[in-house]
PDB file of N, CA and C in Angstrom:
ATOM      1  N   MET A   1     -36.411   3.604 -14.435  1.00  0.00           N
ATOM      2  CA  MET A   1     -35.066   3.142 -14.674  1.00  0.00           C
ATOM      3  C   MET A   1     -34.297   4.238 -15.396  1.00  0.00           C
ATOM      4  N   CYS A   2     -33.046   4.418 -14.999  1.00  0.00           N
ATOM      5  CA  CYS A   2     -32.179   5.406 -15.632  1.00  0.00           C
ATOM      6  C   CYS A   2     -31.064   4.693 -16.381  1.00  0.00           C
ATOM      7  N   LEU A   3     -30.767   5.173 -17.569  1.00  0.00           N
ATOM      8  CA  LEU A   3     -29.691   4.618 -18.367  1.00  0.00           C
ATOM      9  C   LEU A   3     -28.707   5.722 -18.710  1.00  0.00           C
ATOM     10  N   ALA A   4     -27.436   5.370 -18.727  1.00  0.00           N
ATOM     11  CA  ALA A   4     -26.391   6.296 -19.143  1.00  0.00           C
ATOM     12  C   ALA A   4     -25.570   5.616 -20.218  1.00  0.00           C
ATOM     13  N   TYR A   5     -25.179   6.380 -21.236  1.00  0.00           N
ATOM     14  CA  TYR A   5     -24.439   5.817 -22.361  1.00  0.00           C
ATOM     15  C   TYR A   5     -23.049   6.445 -22.399  1.00  0.00           C
ATOM     16  N   PRO A   6     -22.003   5.639 -22.613  1.00  0.00           N
ATOM     17  CA  PRO A   6     -20.652   6.189 -22.646  1.00  0.00           C
ATOM     18  C   PRO A   6     -20.344   6.876 -23.976  1.00  0.00           C
ATOM     19  N   MET A   7     -19.755   8.055 -23.876  1.00  0.00           N
ATOM     20  CA  MET A   7     -19.345   8.811 -25.055  1.00  0.00           C
ATOM     21  C   MET A   7     -17.984   9.437 -24.766  1.00  0.00           C
ATOM     22  N   LYS A   8     -17.229   9.723 -25.815  1.00  0.00           N
ATOM     23  CA  LYS A   8     -15.899  10.301 -25.665  1.00  0.00           C
ATOM     24  C   LYS A   8     -15.962  11.821 -25.803  1.00  0.00           C
ATOM     25  N   VAL A   9     -15.298  12.523 -24.888  1.00  0.00           N
ATOM     26  CA  VAL A   9     -15.217  13.982 -24.940  1.00  0.00           C
ATOM     27  C   VAL A   9     -14.260  14.362 -26.064  1.00  0.00           C
ATOM     28  N   ILE A  10     -14.751  15.142 -27.026  1.00  0.00           N
ATOM     29  CA  ILE A  10     -13.896  15.557 -28.135  1.00  0.00           C
ATOM     30  C   ILE A  10     -13.520  17.030 -28.069  1.00  0.00           C
ATOM     31  N   SER A  11     -14.285  17.832 -27.335  1.00  0.00           N
ATOM     32  CA  SER A  11     -13.911  19.226 -27.116  1.00  0.00           C
ATOM     33  C   SER A  11     -14.673  19.758 -25.912  1.00  0.00           C
ATOM     34  N   ILE A  12     -14.122  20.791 -25.308  1.00  0.00           N
ATOM     35  CA  ILE A  12     -14.766  21.431 -24.157  1.00  0.00           C
ATOM     36  C   ILE A  12     -14.761  22.928 -24.394  1.00  0.00           C
ATOM     37  N   GLU A  13     -15.914  23.536 -24.125  1.00  0.00           N
ATOM     38  CA  GLU A  13     -16.044  24.980 -24.213  1.00  0.00           C
ATOM     39  C   GLU A  13     -16.823  25.451 -22.993  1.00  0.00           C
ATOM     40  N   GLY A  14     -16.132  26.036 -22.049  1.00  0.00           N
ATOM     41  CA  GLY A  14     -16.775  26.473 -20.819  1.00  0.00           C
ATOM     42  C   GLY A  14     -17.291  25.281 -20.034  1.00  0.00           C
ATOM     43  N   SER A  15     -18.565  25.308 -19.705  1.00  0.00           N
ATOM     44  CA  SER A  15     -19.151  24.216 -18.917  1.00  0.00           C
ATOM     45  C   SER A  15     -19.899  23.211 -19.788  1.00  0.00           C
ATOM     46  N   TYR A  16     -19.546  23.172 -21.078  1.00  0.00           N
ATOM     47  CA  TYR A  16     -20.157  22.218 -22.007  1.00  0.00           C
ATOM     48  C   TYR A  16     -19.079  21.445 -22.757  1.00  0.00           C
ATOM     49  N   ALA A  17     -19.435  20.239 -23.151  1.00  0.00           N
ATOM     50  CA  ALA A  17     -18.523  19.412 -23.936  1.00  0.00           C
ATOM     51  C   ALA A  17     -19.234  18.902 -25.172  1.00  0.00           C
ATOM     52  N   GLN A  18     -18.461  18.716 -26.218  1.00  0.00           N
ATOM     53  CA  GLN A  18     -18.930  18.006 -27.400  1.00  0.00           C
ATOM     54  C   GLN A  18     -18.463  16.563 -27.199  1.00  0.00           C
ATOM     55  N   VAL A  19     -19.402  15.624 -27.263  1.00  0.00           N
ATOM     56  CA  VAL A  19     -19.067  14.214 -27.071  1.00  0.00           C
ATOM     57  C   VAL A  19     -19.485  13.435 -28.303  1.00  0.00           C
ATOM     58  N   GLU A  20     -18.859  12.250 -28.486  1.00  0.00           N
ATOM     59  CA  GLU A  20     -19.133  11.448 -29.673  1.00  0.00           C
ATOM     60  C   GLU A  20     -19.119   9.979 -29.323  1.00  0.00           C
ATOM     61  N   ALA A  21     -20.026   9.251 -29.958  1.00  0.00           N
ATOM     62  CA  ALA A  21     -20.043   7.791 -29.885  1.00  0.00           C
ATOM     63  C   ALA A  21     -20.685   7.275 -31.159  1.00  0.00           C
ATOM     64  N   GLU A  22     -19.992   6.388 -31.837  1.00  0.00           N
ATOM     65  CA  GLU A  22     -20.523   5.718 -33.022  1.00  0.00           C
ATOM     66  C   GLU A  22     -21.016   6.695 -34.084  1.00  0.00           C
ATOM     67  N   GLY A  23     -20.285   7.793 -34.252  1.00  0.00           N
ATOM     68  CA  GLY A  23     -20.623   8.779 -35.263  1.00  0.00           C
ATOM     69  C   GLY A  23     -21.676   9.788 -34.857  1.00  0.00           C
ATOM     70  N   VAL A  24     -22.195   9.673 -33.658  1.00  0.00           N
ATOM     71  CA  VAL A  24     -23.203  10.608 -33.158  1.00  0.00           C
ATOM     72  C   VAL A  24     -22.520  11.595 -32.217  1.00  0.00           C
ATOM     73  N   ARG A  25     -22.748  12.882 -32.444  1.00  0.00           N
ATOM     74  CA  ARG A  25     -22.180  13.924 -31.582  1.00  0.00           C
ATOM     75  C   ARG A  25     -23.301  14.651 -30.845  1.00  0.00           C
ATOM     76  N   ARG A  26     -23.001  15.009 -29.620  1.00  0.00           N
ATOM     77  CA  ARG A  26     -23.954  15.742 -28.784  1.00  0.00           C
ATOM     78  C   ARG A  26     -23.216  16.799 -27.973  1.00  0.00           C
ATOM     79  N   ARG A  27     -23.926  17.845 -27.631  1.00  0.00           N
ATOM     80  CA  ARG A  27     -23.424  18.857 -26.702  1.00  0.00           C
ATOM     81  C   ARG A  27     -24.028  18.520 -25.347  1.00  0.00           C
ATOM     82  N   VAL A  28     -23.180  18.350 -24.339  1.00  0.00           N
ATOM     83  CA  VAL A  28     -23.660  17.973 -23.013  1.00  0.00           C
ATOM     84  C   VAL A  28     -23.076  18.902 -21.963  1.00  0.00           C
ATOM     85  N   GLY A  29     -23.780  18.998 -20.846  1.00  0.00           N
ATOM     86  CA  GLY A  29     -23.325  19.822 -19.742  1.00  0.00           C
ATOM     87  C   GLY A  29     -22.280  19.107 -18.892  1.00  0.00           C
ATOM     88  N   LEU A  30     -21.353  19.905 -18.358  1.00  0.00           N
ATOM     89  CA  LEU A  30     -20.322  19.372 -17.468  1.00  0.00           C
ATOM     90  C   LEU A  30     -20.496  19.842 -16.024  1.00  0.00           C
ATOM     91  N   ALA A  31     -21.659  20.402 -15.695  1.00  0.00           N
ATOM     92  CA  ALA A  31     -21.875  20.923 -14.348  1.00  0.00           C
ATOM     93  C   ALA A  31     -21.677  19.856 -13.277  1.00  0.00           C
ATOM     94  N   LEU A  32     -21.998  18.608 -13.590  1.00  0.00           N
ATOM     95  CA  LEU A  32     -21.862  17.524 -12.615  1.00  0.00           C
ATOM     96  C   LEU A  32     -20.498  16.852 -12.681  1.00  0.00           C
ATOM     97  N   LEU A  33     -19.677  17.231 -13.666  1.00  0.00           N
ATOM     98  CA  LEU A  33     -18.393  16.567 -13.870  1.00  0.00           C
ATOM     99  C   LEU A  33     -17.366  17.572 -14.410  1.00  0.00           C
ATOM    100  N   PRO A  34     -17.082  18.631 -13.650  1.00  0.00           N
ATOM    101  CA  PRO A  34     -16.183  19.673 -14.155  1.00  0.00           C
ATOM    102  C   PRO A  34     -14.751  19.185 -14.388  1.00  0.00           C
ATOM    103  N   GLU A  35     -14.374  18.048 -13.810  1.00  0.00           N
ATOM    104  CA  GLU A  35     -13.012  17.533 -13.984  1.00  0.00           C
ATOM    105  C   GLU A  35     -12.813  16.789 -15.307  1.00  0.00           C
ATOM    106  N   ALA A  36     -13.871  16.587 -16.080  1.00  0.00           N
ATOM    107  CA  ALA A  36     -13.754  15.884 -17.357  1.00  0.00           C
ATOM    108  C   ALA A  36     -12.811  16.638 -18.286  1.00  0.00           C
ATOM    109  N   LYS A  37     -12.054  15.865 -19.087  1.00  0.00           N
ATOM    110  CA  LYS A  37     -11.136  16.492 -20.035  1.00  0.00           C
ATOM    111  C   LYS A  37     -11.258  15.809 -21.397  1.00  0.00           C
ATOM    112  N   VAL A  38     -10.751  16.485 -22.411  1.00  0.00           N
ATOM    113  CA  VAL A  38     -10.789  15.947 -23.767  1.00  0.00           C
ATOM    114  C   VAL A  38     -10.112  14.577 -23.775  1.00  0.00           C
ATOM    115  N   GLY A  39     -10.768  13.621 -24.428  1.00  0.00           N
ATOM    116  CA  GLY A  39     -10.256  12.259 -24.507  1.00  0.00           C
ATOM    117  C   GLY A  39     -10.870  11.318 -23.499  1.00  0.00           C
ATOM    118  N   ASP A  40     -11.517  11.866 -22.458  1.00  0.00           N
ATOM    119  CA  ASP A  40     -12.168  11.020 -21.452  1.00  0.00           C
ATOM    120  C   ASP A  40     -13.392  10.336 -22.034  1.00  0.00           C
ATOM    121  N   ASP A  41     -13.646   9.117 -21.581  1.00  0.00           N
ATOM    122  CA  ASP A  41     -14.927   8.460 -21.823  1.00  0.00           C
ATOM    123  C   ASP A  41     -15.807   8.813 -20.633  1.00  0.00           C
ATOM    124  N   VAL A  42     -16.984   9.346 -20.910  1.00  0.00           N
ATOM    125  CA  VAL A  42     -17.888   9.762 -19.844  1.00  0.00           C
ATOM    126  C   VAL A  42     -19.265   9.146 -20.060  1.00  0.00           C
ATOM    127  N   LEU A  43     -19.960   8.898 -18.972  1.00  0.00           N
ATOM    128  CA  LEU A  43     -21.342   8.431 -19.066  1.00  0.00           C
ATOM    129  C   LEU A  43     -22.243   9.641 -19.209  1.00  0.00           C
ATOM    130  N   ILE A  44     -23.163   9.573 -20.163  1.00  0.00           N
ATOM    131  CA  ILE A  44     -24.094  10.669 -20.430  1.00  0.00           C
ATOM    132  C   ILE A  44     -25.496  10.236 -20.026  1.00  0.00           C
ATOM    133  N   HIS A  45     -26.151  11.090 -19.256  1.00  0.00           N
ATOM    134  CA  HIS A  45     -27.540  10.853 -18.859  1.00  0.00           C
ATOM    135  C   HIS A  45     -28.256  12.190 -18.844  1.00  0.00           C
ATOM    136  N   ALA A  46     -29.373  12.255 -19.538  1.00  0.00           N
ATOM    137  CA  ALA A  46     -30.233  13.440 -19.552  1.00  0.00           C
ATOM    138  C   ALA A  46     -29.470  14.713 -19.931  1.00  0.00           C
ATOM    139  N   GLY A  47     -28.531  14.577 -20.869  1.00  0.00           N
ATOM    140  CA  GLY A  47     -27.818  15.746 -21.360  1.00  0.00           C
ATOM    141  C   GLY A  47     -26.637  16.192 -20.534  1.00  0.00           C
ATOM    142  N   TYR A  48     -26.250  15.396 -19.546  1.00  0.00           N
ATOM    143  CA  TYR A  48     -25.123  15.742 -18.686  1.00  0.00           C
ATOM    144  C   TYR A  48     -24.135  14.596 -18.588  1.00  0.00           C
ATOM    145  N   ALA A  49     -22.855  14.937 -18.527  1.00  0.00           N
ATOM    146  CA  ALA A  49     -21.829  13.951 -18.210  1.00  0.00           C
ATOM    147  C   ALA A  49     -21.913  13.718 -16.709  1.00  0.00           C
ATOM    148  N   ILE A  50     -22.020  12.444 -16.310  1.00  0.00           N
ATOM    149  CA  ILE A  50     -22.207  12.159 -14.882  1.00  0.00           C
ATOM    150  C   ILE A  50     -21.066  11.376 -14.259  1.00  0.00           C
ATOM    151  N   SER A  51     -20.181  10.780 -15.089  1.00  0.00           N
ATOM    152  CA  SER A  51     -19.085   9.994 -14.530  1.00  0.00           C
ATOM    153  C   SER A  51     -18.038   9.747 -15.595  1.00  0.00           C
ATOM    154  N   VAL A  52     -16.770   9.805 -15.199  1.00  0.00           N
ATOM    155  CA  VAL A  52     -15.688   9.390 -16.091  1.00  0.00           C
ATOM    156  C   VAL A  52     -15.526   7.882 -15.920  1.00  0.00           C
ATOM    157  N   VAL A  53     -15.397   7.164 -17.029  1.00  0.00           N
ATOM    158  CA  VAL A  53     -15.201   5.718 -16.969  1.00  0.00           C
ATOM    159  C   VAL A  53     -13.963   5.351 -17.777  1.00  0.00           C
ATOM    160  N   ASP A  54     -13.328   4.237 -17.410  1.00  0.00           N
ATOM    161  CA  ASP A  54     -12.152   3.824 -18.167  1.00  0.00           C
ATOM    162  C   ASP A  54     -12.602   3.275 -19.521  1.00  0.00           C
ATOM    163  N   PRO A  55     -11.712   3.317 -20.507  1.00  0.00           N
ATOM    164  CA  PRO A  55     -12.090   2.911 -21.870  1.00  0.00           C
ATOM    165  C   PRO A  55     -12.631   1.485 -21.955  1.00  0.00           C
ATOM    166  N   GLU A  56     -12.096   0.569 -21.161  1.00  0.00           N
ATOM    167  CA  GLU A  56     -12.574  -0.816 -21.200  1.00  0.00           C
ATOM    168  C   GLU A  56     -14.019  -0.911 -20.709  1.00  0.00           C
ATOM    169  N   ALA A  57     -14.329  -0.205 -19.645  1.00  0.00           N
ATOM    170  CA  ALA A  57     -15.702  -0.204 -19.124  1.00  0.00           C
ATOM    171  C   ALA A  57     -16.650   0.447 -20.126  1.00  0.00           C
ATOM    172  N   ALA A  58     -16.196   1.518 -20.785  1.00  0.00           N
ATOM    173  CA  ALA A  58     -17.033   2.188 -21.786  1.00  0.00           C
ATOM    174  C   ALA A  58     -17.352   1.225 -22.922  1.00  0.00           C
ATOM    175  N   GLU A  59     -16.335   0.502 -23.404  1.00  0.00           N
ATOM    176  CA  GLU A  59     -16.567  -0.440 -24.507  1.00  0.00           C
ATOM    177  C   GLU A  59     -17.471  -1.587 -24.074  1.00  0.00           C
ATOM    178  N   GLU A  60     -17.275  -2.084 -22.868  1.00  0.00           N
ATOM    179  CA  GLU A  60     -18.138  -3.153 -22.357  1.00  0.00           C
ATOM    180  C   GLU A  60     -19.591  -2.698 -22.282  1.00  0.00           C
ATOM    181  N   THR A  61     -19.811  -1.470 -21.839  1.00  0.00           N
ATOM    182  CA  THR A  61     -21.167  -0.934 -21.761  1.00  0.00           C
ATOM    183  C   THR A  61     -21.780  -0.798 -23.145  1.00  0.00           C
ATOM    184  N   ARG A  62     -20.994  -0.303 -24.107  1.00  0.00           N
ATOM    185  CA  ARG A  62     -21.511  -0.188 -25.485  1.00  0.00           C
ATOM    186  C   ARG A  62     -21.899  -1.556 -26.035  1.00  0.00           C
ATOM    187  N   GLN A  63     -21.068  -2.569 -25.776  1.00  0.00           N
ATOM    188  CA  GLN A  63     -21.368  -3.917 -26.255  1.00  0.00           C
ATOM    189  C   GLN A  63     -22.653  -4.466 -25.622  1.00  0.00           C
ATOM    190  N   MET A  64     -22.871  -4.163 -24.344  1.00  0.00           N
ATOM    191  CA  MET A  64     -24.112  -4.602 -23.685  1.00  0.00           C
ATOM    192  C   MET A  64     -25.317  -3.937 -24.336  1.00  0.00           C
ATOM    193  N   PHE A  65     -25.231  -2.635 -24.631  1.00  0.00           N
ATOM    194  CA  PHE A  65     -26.329  -1.950 -25.308  1.00  0.00           C
ATOM    195  C   PHE A  65     -26.591  -2.575 -26.676  1.00  0.00           C
ATOM    196  N   HIS A  66     -25.522  -2.887 -27.426  1.00  0.00           N
ATOM    197  CA  HIS A  66     -25.700  -3.509 -28.745  1.00  0.00           C
ATOM    198  C   HIS A  66     -26.402  -4.855 -28.625  1.00  0.00           C
ATOM    199  N   ALA A  67     -26.048  -5.635 -27.614  1.00  0.00           N
ATOM    200  CA  ALA A  67     -26.703  -6.941 -27.409  1.00  0.00           C
ATOM    201  C   ALA A  67     -28.185  -6.753 -27.085  1.00  0.00           C
ATOM    202  N   ILE A  68     -28.506  -5.779 -26.275  1.00  0.00           N
ATOM    203  CA  ILE A  68     -29.904  -5.493 -25.924  1.00  0.00           C
ATOM    204  C   ILE A  68     -30.672  -5.071 -27.171  1.00  0.00           C
ATOM    205  N   TRP A  69     -30.087  -4.171 -27.970  1.00  0.00           N
ATOM    206  CA  TRP A  69     -30.764  -3.706 -29.182  1.00  0.00           C
ATOM    207  C   TRP A  69     -30.986  -4.852 -30.172  1.00  0.00           C
ATOM    208  N   ALA A  70     -29.985  -5.719 -30.312  1.00  0.00           N
ATOM    209  CA  ALA A  70     -30.115  -6.853 -31.225  1.00  0.00           C
ATOM    210  C   ALA A  70     -31.222  -7.795 -30.762  1.00  0.00           C
ATOM    211  N   ALA A  71     -31.288  -8.045 -29.462  1.00  0.00           N
ATOM    212  CA  ALA A  71     -32.335  -8.918 -28.922  1.00  0.00           C
ATOM    213  C   ALA A  71     -33.712  -8.291 -29.129  1.00  0.00           C
ATOM    214  N   ALA A  72     -33.819  -6.978 -28.945  1.00  0.00           N
ATOM    215  CA  ALA A  72     -35.102  -6.296 -29.143  1.00  0.00           C
ATOM    216  C   ALA A  72     -35.533  -6.363 -30.597  1.00  0.00           C
ATOM    217  N   GLU A  73     -34.581  -6.194 -31.525  1.00  0.00           N
ATOM    218  CA  GLU A  73     -34.909  -6.291 -32.943  1.00  0.00           C
ATOM    219  C   GLU A  73     -35.367  -7.702 -33.304  1.00  0.00           C
ATOM    220  N   GLU A  74     -34.689  -8.700 -32.746  1.00  0.00           N
ATOM    221  CA  GLU A  74     -35.069 -10.088 -33.005  1.00  0.00           C
ATOM    222  C   GLU A  74     -36.473 -10.376 -32.479  1.00  0.00           C
ATOM    223  N   ASP A  75     -36.781  -9.879 -31.287  1.00  0.00           N
ATOM    224  CA  ASP A  75     -38.123 -10.063 -30.732  1.00  0.00           C
ATOM    225  C   ASP A  75     -39.173  -9.408 -31.624  1.00  0.00           C
ATOM    226  N   ALA A  76     -38.870  -8.196 -32.102  1.00  0.00           N
ATOM    227  CA  ALA A  76     -39.822  -7.488 -32.959  1.00  0.00           C
ATOM    228  C   ALA A  76     -40.047  -8.251 -34.261  1.00  0.00           C
ATOM    229  N   GLU A  77     -38.971  -8.790 -34.824  1.00  0.00           N
ATOM    230  CA  GLU A  77     -39.108  -9.581 -36.054  1.00  0.00           C
ATOM    231  C   GLU A  77     -39.930 -10.843 -35.804  1.00  0.00           C
ATOM    232  N   ASN A  78     -39.705 -11.497 -34.683  1.00  0.00           N
ATOM    233  CA  ASN A  78     -40.445 -12.708 -34.352  1.00  0.00           C
ATOM    234  C   ASN A  78     -41.926 -12.415 -34.123  1.00  0.00           C
ATOM    235  N   GLU A  79     -42.238 -11.273 -33.520  1.00  0.00           N
ATOM    236  CA  GLU A  79     -43.643 -10.896 -33.318  1.00  0.00           C
ATOM    237  C   GLU A  79     -44.320 -10.666 -34.653  1.00  0.00           C
ATOM    238  N   GLY A  80     -43.587 -10.075 -35.603  1.00  0.00           N
ATOM    239  CA  GLY A  80     -44.140  -9.827 -36.932  1.00  0.00           C
ATOM    240  C   GLY A  80     -44.453 -11.116 -37.668  1.00  0.00           C
ATOM    241  N   GLU A  81     -43.650 -12.126 -37.455  1.00  0.00           N
ATOM    242  CA  GLU A  81     -43.861 -13.408 -38.111  1.00  0.00           C
ATOM    243  C   GLU A  81     -45.068 -14.144 -37.537  1.00  0.00           C
ATOM    244  N   GLU A  82     -45.370 -13.917 -36.258  1.00  0.00           N
ATOM    245  CA  GLU A  82     -46.481 -14.586 -35.603  1.00  0.00           C
ATOM    246  C   GLU A  82     -47.826 -13.994 -35.981  1.00  0.00           C
ATOM    247  N   ALA A  83     -47.841 -12.757 -36.420  1.00  0.00           N
ATOM    248  CA  ALA A  83     -49.099 -12.067 -36.709  1.00  0.00           C
ATOM    249  C   ALA A  83     -49.780 -12.573 -37.941  1.00  0.00           C
TER     250      ALA A  83
END
């Protein structure tokens, strides 16, 4: 399974971009998405921007990830209580 996480492009230098989401910054490649520009929300997978997404879709995706993480934490806590 492949997952991509939405991040906002904050700067571009050559074929690389600095992206940010929730206080985390990463340097990613733009070889697969040379049309990306500062301010775009892009999906990041394996160190590369792979798609520009609209801000609403980016936020919806982030919320889905948060729900998954919360459910995983709850499951882990419940397993600890059963032991």
